[in-house]
Amino acid sequence: MGPALNYDVFNGDADGIFALHQLRLHTPRQAQLVSGVKRDTGLLQRLPDGGAGQVVVLDISLDSNADALRRLLDGGAEVEYFDHHSADCAFAHPRLRLHCDGAPDVCTSILVDRHLHGRHRPWAVAAAFGDNLAGVARRLAQDIGLDDGAVAALAQLGQVVNYNAYGECEQDLHMAPAALYRALGGHDTPFDFIAASDAYRALCAGYRDDCALMQGLRPHAELAGGAVYILPASAWARRISGVLANQLAAAHDGASFAVLNERSDGSYLVSVRSGAPLTLSACGFCQQFEGGGGRKAAAGINHLPAAELGRFMDGFGRYFNTAAGADHAHG
């Protein structure tokens, strides 16, 4: 067996990409890149037994990777892990450095920003916008004196890079996440990237085209606590599903939403946004279904069988109806 390889393992959304970019601006190194679409969260399973040296993991659930993580550590790898998803399966190991925080106002790029003492904060601001943490992003931007124009530019960057990660496979995306990460190379600030990158302009064009198609979508079901959308089985609808879920959540305070995309095998890919994440977490609902998980405010199910759709609809209405009642009581 040859020498062990270093790996950078990261979620393909804005949070994962910008978290890694912050780290590599601070500490450049050569490493094998391992990434995928946003829902491709079992990324550590791709790493070989005994072949990994230093491994950095960013923005993928520890609970979805606990067995593979232990295998890598037992094989001699040293792992540094940054994440804000569920980490109920976390464990101590002498070769594991864990930076996990599941608070609803945190994303992985913010954890990296803390680790680096704010050295590359504009990237964390863009990531927070991409992860639908607009209030947190604005506070971070205010801390470093960014004006309204700069904040708007970072919001758009985070949104379109995050949007690019949604799809059933990388063929659905405008750019593979690893290629998009490489396109950031040489850009110390997001503003440099925005001004100079053809990749960014291409993502913006794709985003505008898909948003135009999204305007014709209507709910499959409207419930007391929110609504459920079932999107057409097409690449543009798979790309836009996260944008739709985030826009619905932002526009209807206290309401909860589910956006379903039909997969090629007939099952559904599900995105859920909770209108009351501290009391009725999206993660808590999605974990009732096999393969479900995520965060308090935003979670999902990777494979909801078509036969489970009725149970999902009934469960969604019951689970989140309490949120609607609380909202109406305070209204």
C-alpha atoms as a PDB file:
ATOM      1  CA  MET A   1       0.000   0.000   0.000  1.00  0.00           C
ATOM      2  CA  GLY A   2       1.295   3.467  -0.902  1.00  0.00           C
ATOM      3  CA  PRO A   3       1.499   6.476   1.397  1.00  0.00           C
ATOM      4  CA  ALA A   4      -1.709   7.660   3.034  1.00  0.00           C
ATOM      5  CA  LEU A   5      -3.583  10.432   1.222  1.00  0.00           C
ATOM      6  CA  ASN A   6      -5.084  13.572   2.720  1.00  0.00           C
ATOM      7  CA  TYR A   7      -8.785  14.202   2.069  1.00  0.00           C
ATOM      8  CA  ASP A   8     -11.045  17.251   2.198  1.00  0.00           C
ATOM      9  CA  VAL A   9     -14.615  15.962   2.519  1.00  0.00           C
ATOM     10  CA  PHE A  10     -17.381  18.575   2.198  1.00  0.00           C
ATOM     11  CA  ASN A  11     -21.052  19.048   1.483  1.00  0.00           C
ATOM     12  CA  GLY A  12     -21.594  20.427  -2.012  1.00  0.00           C
ATOM     13  CA  ASP A  13     -23.681  23.400  -0.888  1.00  0.00           C
ATOM     14  CA  ALA A  14     -22.557  26.952  -0.125  1.00  0.00           C
ATOM     15  CA  ASP A  15     -21.880  26.179   3.526  1.00  0.00           C
ATOM     16  CA  GLY A  16     -19.619  23.217   2.806  1.00  0.00           C
ATOM     17  CA  ILE A  17     -17.764  24.861  -0.075  1.00  0.00           C
ATOM     18  CA  PHE A  18     -17.177  28.185   1.688  1.00  0.00           C
ATOM     19  CA  ALA A  19     -16.173  26.452   4.925  1.00  0.00           C
ATOM     20  CA  LEU A  20     -13.432  24.562   3.098  1.00  0.00           C
ATOM     21  CA  HIS A  21     -12.348  27.674   1.197  1.00  0.00           C
ATOM     22  CA  GLN A  22     -11.893  29.571   4.469  1.00  0.00           C
ATOM     23  CA  LEU A  23      -9.739  26.779   5.878  1.00  0.00           C
ATOM     24  CA  ARG A  24      -7.564  26.519   2.783  1.00  0.00           C
ATOM     25  CA  LEU A  25      -7.071  30.284   2.555  1.00  0.00           C
ATOM     26  CA  HIS A  26      -5.709  30.055   6.089  1.00  0.00           C
ATOM     27  CA  THR A  27      -3.840  26.720   5.749  1.00  0.00           C
ATOM     28  CA  PRO A  28      -3.222  25.674   2.130  1.00  0.00           C
ATOM     29  CA  ARG A  29      -2.611  21.972   1.503  1.00  0.00           C
ATOM     30  CA  GLN A  30      -2.971  19.383  -1.221  1.00  0.00           C
ATOM     31  CA  ALA A  31      -5.808  16.946  -0.637  1.00  0.00           C
ATOM     32  CA  GLN A  32      -8.202  14.676  -2.501  1.00  0.00           C
ATOM     33  CA  LEU A  33     -11.589  16.388  -2.783  1.00  0.00           C
ATOM     34  CA  VAL A  34     -14.681  14.343  -1.875  1.00  0.00           C
ATOM     35  CA  SER A  35     -18.075  15.992  -2.362  1.00  0.00           C
ATOM     36  CA  GLY A  36     -21.432  15.563  -4.046  1.00  0.00           C
ATOM     37  CA  VAL A  37     -24.966  16.917  -4.234  1.00  0.00           C
ATOM     38  CA  LYS A  38     -26.396  18.435  -1.057  1.00  0.00           C
ATOM     39  CA  ARG A  39     -28.152  15.236   0.036  1.00  0.00           C
ATOM     40  CA  ASP A  40     -25.118  13.031  -0.609  1.00  0.00           C
ATOM     41  CA  THR A  41     -24.218  13.039   3.072  1.00  0.00           C
ATOM     42  CA  GLY A  42     -22.581   9.619   3.544  1.00  0.00           C
ATOM     43  CA  LEU A  43     -19.354  10.883   2.012  1.00  0.00           C
ATOM     44  CA  LEU A  44     -16.935   9.279   4.474  1.00  0.00           C
ATOM     45  CA  GLN A  45     -17.977   5.875   3.164  1.00  0.00           C
ATOM     46  CA  ARG A  46     -16.056   6.679  -0.033  1.00  0.00           C
ATOM     47  CA  LEU A  47     -12.690   6.838   1.761  1.00  0.00           C
ATOM     48  CA  PRO A  48     -10.578   3.666   1.674  1.00  0.00           C
ATOM     49  CA  ASP A  49      -9.590   1.517   4.647  1.00  0.00           C
ATOM     50  CA  GLY A  50      -6.153   2.430   5.922  1.00  0.00           C
ATOM     51  CA  GLY A  51      -5.486   4.803   3.027  1.00  0.00           C
ATOM     52  CA  ALA A  52      -6.356   8.106   4.690  1.00  0.00           C
ATOM     53  CA  GLY A  53      -3.902  10.400   6.475  1.00  0.00           C
ATOM     54  CA  GLN A  54      -5.303  13.768   7.527  1.00  0.00           C
ATOM     55  CA  VAL A  55      -9.037  14.093   6.860  1.00  0.00           C
ATOM     56  CA  VAL A  56     -11.041  17.309   7.168  1.00  0.00           C
ATOM     57  CA  VAL A  57     -14.824  16.866   7.179  1.00  0.00           C
ATOM     58  CA  LEU A  58     -17.195  19.802   6.660  1.00  0.00           C
ATOM     59  CA  ASP A  59     -20.979  20.102   6.818  1.00  0.00           C
ATOM     60  CA  ILE A  60     -22.050  16.455   6.696  1.00  0.00           C
ATOM     61  CA  SER A  61     -23.955  14.823   9.545  1.00  0.00           C
ATOM     62  CA  LEU A  62     -21.808  12.847  11.957  1.00  0.00           C
ATOM     63  CA  ASP A  63     -24.797  10.616  12.659  1.00  0.00           C
ATOM     64  CA  SER A  64     -24.870   9.600   8.987  1.00  0.00           C
ATOM     65  CA  ASN A  65     -21.133   8.868   8.994  1.00  0.00           C
ATOM     66  CA  ALA A  66     -20.399   7.521  12.487  1.00  0.00           C
ATOM     67  CA  ASP A  67     -19.481   3.979  11.391  1.00  0.00           C
ATOM     68  CA  ALA A  68     -17.239   5.182   8.551  1.00  0.00           C
ATOM     69  CA  LEU A  69     -15.650   7.765  10.861  1.00  0.00           C
ATOM     70  CA  ARG A  70     -14.748   5.102  13.423  1.00  0.00           C
ATOM     71  CA  ARG A  71     -13.369   2.859  10.666  1.00  0.00           C
ATOM     72  CA  LEU A  72     -11.102   5.661   9.404  1.00  0.00           C
ATOM     73  CA  LEU A  73      -9.877   6.532  12.885  1.00  0.00           C
ATOM     74  CA  ASP A  74      -9.200   2.884  13.697  1.00  0.00           C
ATOM     75  CA  GLY A  75      -7.231   2.695  10.436  1.00  0.00           C
ATOM     76  CA  GLY A  76      -4.888   5.470  11.585  1.00  0.00           C
ATOM     77  CA  ALA A  77      -6.465   8.582  10.051  1.00  0.00           C
ATOM     78  CA  GLU A  78      -6.463  11.921  11.877  1.00  0.00           C
ATOM     79  CA  VAL A  79      -9.820  13.654  11.471  1.00  0.00           C
ATOM     80  CA  GLU A  80     -10.959  17.233  12.064  1.00  0.00           C
ATOM     81  CA  TYR A  81     -14.733  17.486  11.835  1.00  0.00           C
ATOM     82  CA  PHE A  82     -16.804  20.701  11.533  1.00  0.00           C
ATOM     83  CA  ASP A  83     -20.586  20.389  11.389  1.00  0.00           C
ATOM     84  CA  HIS A  84     -23.906  21.816  12.600  1.00  0.00           C
ATOM     85  CA  HIS A  85     -26.205  18.839  11.979  1.00  0.00           C
ATOM     86  CA  SER A  86     -27.320  16.190  14.440  1.00  0.00           C
ATOM     87  CA  ALA A  87     -24.382  14.599  16.296  1.00  0.00           C
ATOM     88  CA  ASP A  88     -26.115  12.230  18.705  1.00  0.00           C
ATOM     89  CA  CYS A  89     -23.608   9.522  17.733  1.00  0.00           C
ATOM     90  CA  ALA A  90     -20.525  11.626  18.566  1.00  0.00           C
ATOM     91  CA  PHE A  91     -17.729   9.884  20.435  1.00  0.00           C
ATOM     92  CA  ALA A  92     -14.276  10.709  21.745  1.00  0.00           C
ATOM     93  CA  HIS A  93     -11.115   9.466  20.023  1.00  0.00           C
ATOM     94  CA  PRO A  94      -7.495  10.607  20.394  1.00  0.00           C
ATOM     95  CA  ARG A  95      -7.212  11.293  16.640  1.00  0.00           C
ATOM     96  CA  LEU A  96     -10.550  13.123  16.334  1.00  0.00           C
ATOM     97  CA  ARG A  97     -11.007  16.883  16.738  1.00  0.00           C
ATOM     98  CA  LEU A  98     -14.697  17.647  16.756  1.00  0.00           C
ATOM     99  CA  HIS A  99     -16.279  21.095  16.216  1.00  0.00           C
ATOM    100  CA  CYS A 100     -20.036  20.429  16.322  1.00  0.00           C
ATOM    101  CA  ASP A 101     -22.851  22.793  17.267  1.00  0.00           C
ATOM    102  CA  GLY A 102     -26.484  22.045  16.397  1.00  0.00           C
ATOM    103  CA  ALA A 103     -27.888  25.438  17.410  1.00  0.00           C
ATOM    104  CA  PRO A 104     -30.395  26.757  14.843  1.00  0.00           C
ATOM    105  CA  ASP A 105     -28.461  30.030  14.350  1.00  0.00           C
ATOM    106  CA  VAL A 106     -25.191  28.323  13.343  1.00  0.00           C
ATOM    107  CA  CYS A 107     -23.850  26.863  10.110  1.00  0.00           C
ATOM    108  CA  THR A 108     -20.582  25.065   9.426  1.00  0.00           C
ATOM    109  CA  SER A 109     -18.920  28.109   7.878  1.00  0.00           C
ATOM    110  CA  ILE A 110     -19.680  30.024  11.086  1.00  0.00           C
ATOM    111  CA  LEU A 111     -17.962  27.266  13.082  1.00  0.00           C
ATOM    112  CA  VAL A 112     -14.929  27.600  10.809  1.00  0.00           C
ATOM    113  CA  ASP A 113     -15.113  31.400  11.144  1.00  0.00           C
ATOM    114  CA  ARG A 114     -14.960  31.027  14.927  1.00  0.00           C
ATOM    115  CA  HIS A 115     -12.039  28.614  14.596  1.00  0.00           C
ATOM    116  CA  LEU A 116     -10.162  31.141  12.430  1.00  0.00           C
ATOM    117  CA  HIS A 117     -11.158  34.135  14.605  1.00  0.00           C
ATOM    118  CA  GLY A 118     -13.020  35.847  11.770  1.00  0.00           C
ATOM    119  CA  ARG A 119     -10.050  36.005   9.413  1.00  0.00           C
ATOM    120  CA  HIS A 120     -12.104  35.344   6.254  1.00  0.00           C
ATOM    121  CA  ARG A 121     -15.541  36.342   7.514  1.00  0.00           C
ATOM    122  CA  PRO A 122     -17.144  37.548   4.239  1.00  0.00           C
ATOM    123  CA  TRP A 123     -17.165  33.901   3.088  1.00  0.00           C
ATOM    124  CA  ALA A 124     -18.992  32.915   6.285  1.00  0.00           C
ATOM    125  CA  VAL A 125     -21.526  35.691   5.670  1.00  0.00           C
ATOM    126  CA  ALA A 126     -22.235  34.339   2.169  1.00  0.00           C
ATOM    127  CA  ALA A 127     -22.536  30.799   3.544  1.00  0.00           C
ATOM    128  CA  ALA A 128     -25.002  31.895   6.234  1.00  0.00           C
ATOM    129  CA  PHE A 129     -27.177  33.547   3.599  1.00  0.00           C
ATOM    130  CA  GLY A 130     -27.007  30.338   1.551  1.00  0.00           C
ATOM    131  CA  ASP A 131     -28.107  28.316   4.584  1.00  0.00           C
ATOM    132  CA  ASN A 132     -31.158  30.569   5.055  1.00  0.00           C
ATOM    133  CA  LEU A 133     -29.703  32.310   8.125  1.00  0.00           C
ATOM    134  CA  ALA A 134     -30.256  35.847   6.848  1.00  0.00           C
ATOM    135  CA  GLY A 135     -30.472  37.513  10.269  1.00  0.00           C
ATOM    136  CA  VAL A 136     -27.262  35.864  11.453  1.00  0.00           C
ATOM    137  CA  ALA A 137     -25.545  36.755   8.172  1.00  0.00           C
ATOM    138  CA  ARG A 138     -26.488  40.436   8.503  1.00  0.00           C
ATOM    139  CA  ARG A 139     -25.173  40.576  12.070  1.00  0.00           C
ATOM    140  CA  LEU A 140     -21.863  39.059  10.986  1.00  0.00           C
ATOM    141  CA  ALA A 141     -21.667  41.523   8.103  1.00  0.00           C
ATOM    142  CA  GLN A 142     -22.408  44.437  10.418  1.00  0.00           C
ATOM    143  CA  ASP A 143     -19.594  43.319  12.737  1.00  0.00           C
ATOM    144  CA  ILE A 144     -17.062  43.883   9.938  1.00  0.00           C
ATOM    145  CA  GLY A 145     -18.633  47.063   8.581  1.00  0.00           C
ATOM    146  CA  LEU A 146     -19.979  45.859   5.244  1.00  0.00           C
ATOM    147  CA  ASP A 147     -22.339  48.263   3.493  1.00  0.00           C
ATOM    148  CA  ASP A 148     -25.751  47.358   2.076  1.00  0.00           C
ATOM    149  CA  GLY A 149     -24.416  46.758  -1.427  1.00  0.00           C
ATOM    150  CA  ALA A 150     -21.770  44.344  -0.189  1.00  0.00           C
ATOM    151  CA  VAL A 151     -24.301  42.502   1.934  1.00  0.00           C
ATOM    152  CA  ALA A 152     -26.679  42.140  -1.016  1.00  0.00           C
ATOM    153  CA  ALA A 153     -23.848  40.771  -3.172  1.00  0.00           C
ATOM    154  CA  LEU A 154     -22.949  38.179  -0.532  1.00  0.00           C
ATOM    155  CA  ALA A 155     -26.611  37.196  -0.140  1.00  0.00           C
ATOM    156  CA  GLN A 156     -26.914  36.510  -3.865  1.00  0.00           C
ATOM    157  CA  LEU A 157     -23.628  34.592  -3.933  1.00  0.00           C
ATOM    158  CA  GLY A 158     -24.701  32.363  -1.054  1.00  0.00           C
ATOM    159  CA  GLN A 159     -28.078  31.759  -2.605  1.00  0.00           C
ATOM    160  CA  VAL A 160     -26.888  30.740  -6.075  1.00  0.00           C
ATOM    161  CA  VAL A 161     -24.023  28.543  -4.820  1.00  0.00           C
ATOM    162  CA  ASN A 162     -26.413  26.822  -2.421  1.00  0.00           C
ATOM    163  CA  TYR A 163     -29.002  26.404  -5.167  1.00  0.00           C
ATOM    164  CA  ASN A 164     -26.417  24.691  -7.338  1.00  0.00           C
ATOM    165  CA  ALA A 165     -26.130  21.810  -4.841  1.00  0.00           C
ATOM    166  CA  TYR A 166     -29.709  20.579  -5.212  1.00  0.00           C
ATOM    167  CA  GLY A 167     -30.265  17.568  -7.456  1.00  0.00           C
ATOM    168  CA  GLU A 168     -30.594  13.807  -7.430  1.00  0.00           C
ATOM    169  CA  CYS A 169     -27.119  13.451  -8.933  1.00  0.00           C
ATOM    170  CA  GLU A 170     -24.319  15.732 -10.105  1.00  0.00           C
ATOM    171  CA  GLN A 171     -25.682  15.604 -13.672  1.00  0.00           C
ATOM    172  CA  ASP A 172     -28.651  17.671 -12.431  1.00  0.00           C
ATOM    173  CA  LEU A 173     -26.336  20.487 -11.311  1.00  0.00           C
ATOM    174  CA  HIS A 174     -24.903  23.334 -13.359  1.00  0.00           C
ATOM    175  CA  MET A 175     -21.442  22.643 -11.850  1.00  0.00           C
ATOM    176  CA  ALA A 176     -20.085  19.713  -9.857  1.00  0.00           C
ATOM    177  CA  PRO A 177     -19.339  20.928  -6.298  1.00  0.00           C
ATOM    178  CA  ALA A 178     -15.642  19.999  -6.477  1.00  0.00           C
ATOM    179  CA  ALA A 179     -15.295  21.981  -9.719  1.00  0.00           C
ATOM    180  CA  LEU A 180     -17.085  24.949  -8.162  1.00  0.00           C
ATOM    181  CA  TYR A 181     -14.772  24.785  -5.144  1.00  0.00           C
ATOM    182  CA  ARG A 182     -11.738  24.789  -7.450  1.00  0.00           C
ATOM    183  CA  ALA A 183     -13.179  27.835  -9.247  1.00  0.00           C
ATOM    184  CA  LEU A 184     -12.830  29.757  -5.970  1.00  0.00           C
ATOM    185  CA  GLY A 185      -9.071  29.186  -6.024  1.00  0.00           C
ATOM    186  CA  GLY A 186      -7.070  32.407  -6.172  1.00  0.00           C
ATOM    187  CA  HIS A 187      -9.977  34.529  -4.888  1.00  0.00           C
ATOM    188  CA  ASP A 188      -9.213  35.805  -1.399  1.00  0.00           C
ATOM    189  CA  THR A 189     -12.594  37.510  -1.014  1.00  0.00           C
ATOM    190  CA  PRO A 190     -16.072  36.712  -2.309  1.00  0.00           C
ATOM    191  CA  PHE A 191     -16.103  40.102  -4.010  1.00  0.00           C
ATOM    192  CA  ASP A 192     -13.092  39.099  -6.147  1.00  0.00           C
ATOM    193  CA  PHE A 193     -14.905  35.928  -7.167  1.00  0.00           C
ATOM    194  CA  ILE A 194     -18.134  37.776  -7.971  1.00  0.00           C
ATOM    195  CA  ALA A 195     -16.297  40.305 -10.152  1.00  0.00           C
ATOM    196  CA  ALA A 196     -14.066  37.920 -12.073  1.00  0.00           C
ATOM    197  CA  SER A 197     -15.666  34.471 -12.288  1.00  0.00           C
ATOM    198  CA  ASP A 198     -17.401  33.114 -15.384  1.00  0.00           C
ATOM    199  CA  ALA A 199     -18.625  30.248 -13.190  1.00  0.00           C
ATOM    200  CA  TYR A 200     -20.496  32.688 -10.986  1.00  0.00           C
ATOM    201  CA  ARG A 201     -22.156  34.389 -13.959  1.00  0.00           C
ATOM    202  CA  ALA A 202     -23.248  30.993 -15.301  1.00  0.00           C
ATOM    203  CA  LEU A 203     -24.799  30.049 -11.953  1.00  0.00           C
ATOM    204  CA  CYS A 204     -26.676  33.355 -11.790  1.00  0.00           C
ATOM    205  CA  ALA A 205     -28.102  32.808 -15.284  1.00  0.00           C
ATOM    206  CA  GLY A 206     -29.232  29.281 -14.410  1.00  0.00           C
ATOM    207  CA  TYR A 207     -30.781  30.494 -11.187  1.00  0.00           C
ATOM    208  CA  ARG A 208     -32.788  33.198 -12.967  1.00  0.00           C
ATOM    209  CA  ASP A 209     -34.070  30.714 -15.557  1.00  0.00           C
ATOM    210  CA  ASP A 210     -35.144  28.167 -12.941  1.00  0.00           C
ATOM    211  CA  CYS A 211     -36.802  30.804 -10.725  1.00  0.00           C
ATOM    212  CA  ALA A 212     -38.921  31.878 -13.682  1.00  0.00           C
ATOM    213  CA  LEU A 213     -40.209  28.295 -14.006  1.00  0.00           C
ATOM    214  CA  MET A 214     -40.853  28.111 -10.258  1.00  0.00           C
ATOM    215  CA  GLN A 215     -43.410  30.936 -10.388  1.00  0.00           C
ATOM    216  CA  GLY A 216     -46.055  28.574 -11.781  1.00  0.00           C
ATOM    217  CA  LEU A 217     -45.871  26.068  -8.903  1.00  0.00           C
ATOM    218  CA  ARG A 218     -48.878  25.591  -6.604  1.00  0.00           C
ATOM    219  CA  PRO A 219     -49.268  23.618  -3.345  1.00  0.00           C
ATOM    220  CA  HIS A 220     -50.273  19.965  -3.508  1.00  0.00           C
ATOM    221  CA  ALA A 221     -51.955  20.423  -0.124  1.00  0.00           C
ATOM    222  CA  GLU A 222     -52.548  23.404   2.168  1.00  0.00           C
ATOM    223  CA  LEU A 223     -52.640  22.462   5.845  1.00  0.00           C
ATOM    224  CA  ALA A 224     -53.329  24.339   9.066  1.00  0.00           C
ATOM    225  CA  GLY A 225     -49.615  24.614   9.814  1.00  0.00           C
ATOM    226  CA  GLY A 226     -48.346  25.314   6.292  1.00  0.00           C
ATOM    227  CA  ALA A 227     -48.288  23.515   2.945  1.00  0.00           C
ATOM    228  CA  VAL A 228     -46.818  20.605   0.996  1.00  0.00           C
ATOM    229  CA  TYR A 229     -45.523  20.980  -2.564  1.00  0.00           C
ATOM    230  CA  ILE A 230     -44.898  18.061  -4.939  1.00  0.00           C
ATOM    231  CA  LEU A 231     -42.716  19.201  -7.843  1.00  0.00           C
ATOM    232  CA  PRO A 232     -42.526  17.804 -11.383  1.00  0.00           C
ATOM    233  CA  ALA A 233     -39.915  15.115 -12.079  1.00  0.00           C
ATOM    234  CA  SER A 234     -37.433  17.325 -13.942  1.00  0.00           C
ATOM    235  CA  ALA A 235     -33.889  18.575 -13.385  1.00  0.00           C
ATOM    236  CA  TRP A 236     -34.924  22.231 -12.998  1.00  0.00           C
ATOM    237  CA  ALA A 237     -37.435  21.301 -10.282  1.00  0.00           C
ATOM    238  CA  ARG A 238     -34.822  19.266  -8.422  1.00  0.00           C
ATOM    239  CA  ARG A 239     -32.416  22.224  -8.599  1.00  0.00           C
ATOM    240  CA  ILE A 240     -34.964  24.736  -7.351  1.00  0.00           C
ATOM    241  CA  SER A 241     -36.453  22.680  -4.478  1.00  0.00           C
ATOM    242  CA  GLY A 242     -34.271  24.212  -1.757  1.00  0.00           C
ATOM    243  CA  VAL A 243     -34.847  27.752  -3.038  1.00  0.00           C
ATOM    244  CA  LEU A 244     -38.603  27.186  -2.975  1.00  0.00           C
ATOM    245  CA  ALA A 245     -38.506  25.745   0.558  1.00  0.00           C
ATOM    246  CA  ASN A 246     -36.418  28.647   1.841  1.00  0.00           C
ATOM    247  CA  GLN A 247     -38.541  31.295   0.121  1.00  0.00           C
ATOM    248  CA  LEU A 248     -41.744  29.810   1.529  1.00  0.00           C
ATOM    249  CA  ALA A 249     -40.293  29.726   5.036  1.00  0.00           C
ATOM    250  CA  ALA A 250     -39.048  33.319   4.781  1.00  0.00           C
ATOM    251  CA  ALA A 251     -42.354  34.643   3.446  1.00  0.00           C
ATOM    252  CA  HIS A 252     -44.649  32.927   5.977  1.00  0.00           C
ATOM    253  CA  ASP A 253     -43.378  33.390   9.519  1.00  0.00           C
ATOM    254  CA  GLY A 254     -44.487  30.575  11.822  1.00  0.00           C
ATOM    255  CA  ALA A 255     -45.652  28.263   9.018  1.00  0.00           C
ATOM    256  CA  SER A 256     -43.975  25.001   8.017  1.00  0.00           C
ATOM    257  CA  PHE A 257     -43.435  23.633   4.526  1.00  0.00           C
ATOM    258  CA  ALA A 258     -42.451  20.436   2.751  1.00  0.00           C
ATOM    259  CA  VAL A 259     -41.166  20.287  -0.820  1.00  0.00           C
ATOM    260  CA  LEU A 260     -41.091  16.851  -2.475  1.00  0.00           C
ATOM    261  CA  ASN A 261     -39.255  15.855  -5.641  1.00  0.00           C
ATOM    262  CA  GLU A 262     -39.995  12.544  -7.342  1.00  0.00           C
ATOM    263  CA  ARG A 263     -36.795  10.499  -7.747  1.00  0.00           C
ATOM    264  CA  SER A 264     -35.973   8.265 -10.707  1.00  0.00           C
ATOM    265  CA  ASP A 265     -36.901   5.153  -8.669  1.00  0.00           C
ATOM    266  CA  GLY A 266     -40.385   6.524  -7.847  1.00  0.00           C
ATOM    267  CA  SER A 267     -39.553   7.537  -4.275  1.00  0.00           C
ATOM    268  CA  TYR A 268     -39.458  11.142  -3.100  1.00  0.00           C
ATOM    269  CA  LEU A 269     -36.649  13.460  -2.009  1.00  0.00           C
ATOM    270  CA  VAL A 270     -38.109  15.652   0.743  1.00  0.00           C
ATOM    271  CA  SER A 271     -37.115  19.085   2.093  1.00  0.00           C
ATOM    272  CA  VAL A 272     -38.848  20.324   5.261  1.00  0.00           C
ATOM    273  CA  ARG A 273     -38.751  23.776   6.874  1.00  0.00           C
ATOM    274  CA  SER A 274     -40.151  24.229  10.388  1.00  0.00           C
ATOM    275  CA  GLY A 275     -41.951  27.420  11.373  1.00  0.00           C
ATOM    276  CA  ALA A 276     -41.158  26.734  15.055  1.00  0.00           C
ATOM    277  CA  PRO A 277     -37.728  25.078  15.067  1.00  0.00           C
ATOM    278  CA  LEU A 278     -37.100  25.360  18.811  1.00  0.00           C
ATOM    279  CA  THR A 279     -40.309  23.537  19.773  1.00  0.00           C
ATOM    280  CA  LEU A 280     -41.140  21.473  16.660  1.00  0.00           C
ATOM    281  CA  SER A 281     -37.874  20.706  14.914  1.00  0.00           C
ATOM    282  CA  ALA A 282     -37.803  19.753  11.244  1.00  0.00           C
ATOM    283  CA  CYS A 283     -35.217  17.138  12.173  1.00  0.00           C
ATOM    284  CA  GLY A 284     -37.535  15.613  14.781  1.00  0.00           C
ATOM    285  CA  PHE A 285     -40.252  15.148  12.177  1.00  0.00           C
ATOM    286  CA  CYS A 286     -38.006  13.800   9.423  1.00  0.00           C
ATOM    287  CA  GLN A 287     -36.368  11.281  11.754  1.00  0.00           C
ATOM    288  CA  GLN A 288     -39.738   9.524  11.960  1.00  0.00           C
ATOM    289  CA  PHE A 289     -38.961   8.236   8.455  1.00  0.00           C
ATOM    290  CA  GLU A 290     -36.076   6.033   7.371  1.00  0.00           C
ATOM    291  CA  GLY A 291     -33.168   8.128   6.075  1.00  0.00           C
ATOM    292  CA  GLY A 292     -34.554  11.345   7.562  1.00  0.00           C
ATOM    293  CA  GLY A 293     -32.505  13.903   9.457  1.00  0.00           C
ATOM    294  CA  GLY A 294     -30.995  17.376   9.395  1.00  0.00           C
ATOM    295  CA  ARG A 295     -31.336  20.451  11.590  1.00  0.00           C
ATOM    296  CA  LYS A 296     -34.012  22.032  13.757  1.00  0.00           C
ATOM    297  CA  ALA A 297     -35.066  24.578  11.145  1.00  0.00           C
ATOM    298  CA  ALA A 298     -34.349  22.603   7.970  1.00  0.00           C
ATOM    299  CA  ALA A 299     -34.270  18.864   7.436  1.00  0.00           C
ATOM    300  CA  GLY A 300     -35.146  16.238   4.874  1.00  0.00           C
ATOM    301  CA  ILE A 301     -35.712  12.639   3.847  1.00  0.00           C
ATOM    302  CA  ASN A 302     -33.529  11.186   1.111  1.00  0.00           C
ATOM    303  CA  HIS A 303     -35.823   8.322   0.052  1.00  0.00           C
ATOM    304  CA  LEU A 304     -39.507   8.503   0.970  1.00  0.00           C
ATOM    305  CA  PRO A 305     -41.196   5.503  -0.701  1.00  0.00           C
ATOM    306  CA  ALA A 306     -44.295   6.371  -2.711  1.00  0.00           C
ATOM    307  CA  ALA A 307     -46.282   4.033  -0.450  1.00  0.00           C
ATOM    308  CA  GLU A 308     -45.317   6.242   2.522  1.00  0.00           C
ATOM    309  CA  LEU A 309     -46.631   9.477   0.985  1.00  0.00           C
ATOM    310  CA  GLY A 310     -49.997   9.265   2.729  1.00  0.00           C
ATOM    311  CA  ARG A 311     -48.349   8.656   6.118  1.00  0.00           C
ATOM    312  CA  PHE A 312     -46.028  11.581   5.455  1.00  0.00           C
ATOM    313  CA  MET A 313     -48.901  13.937   4.602  1.00  0.00           C
ATOM    314  CA  ASP A 314     -50.935  12.926   7.652  1.00  0.00           C
ATOM    315  CA  GLY A 315     -47.910  13.130   9.927  1.00  0.00           C
ATOM    316  CA  PHE A 316     -46.859  16.535   8.596  1.00  0.00           C
ATOM    317  CA  GLY A 317     -50.288  18.009   9.297  1.00  0.00           C
ATOM    318  CA  ARG A 318     -50.438  16.601  12.829  1.00  0.00           C
ATOM    319  CA  TYR A 319     -46.854  17.435  13.775  1.00  0.00           C
ATOM    320  CA  PHE A 320     -46.782  21.048  12.602  1.00  0.00           C
ATOM    321  CA  ASN A 321     -50.389  21.978  13.393  1.00  0.00           C
ATOM    322  CA  THR A 322     -49.213  22.831  16.928  1.00  0.00           C
ATOM    323  CA  ALA A 323     -46.890  25.428  15.402  1.00  0.00           C
ATOM    324  CA  ALA A 324     -49.802  27.013  13.562  1.00  0.00           C
ATOM    325  CA  GLY A 325     -51.899  27.073  16.731  1.00  0.00           C
ATOM    326  CA  ALA A 326     -49.137  28.752  18.715  1.00  0.00           C
ATOM    327  CA  ASP A 327     -48.601  31.287  15.939  1.00  0.00           C
ATOM    328  CA  HIS A 328     -52.305  32.116  15.731  1.00  0.00           C
ATOM    329  CA  ALA A 329     -52.590  32.383  19.499  1.00  0.00           C
ATOM    330  CA  HIS A 330     -49.864  35.010  19.531  1.00  0.00           C
ATOM    331  CA  GLY A 331     -51.260  36.773  16.497  1.00  0.00           C
END
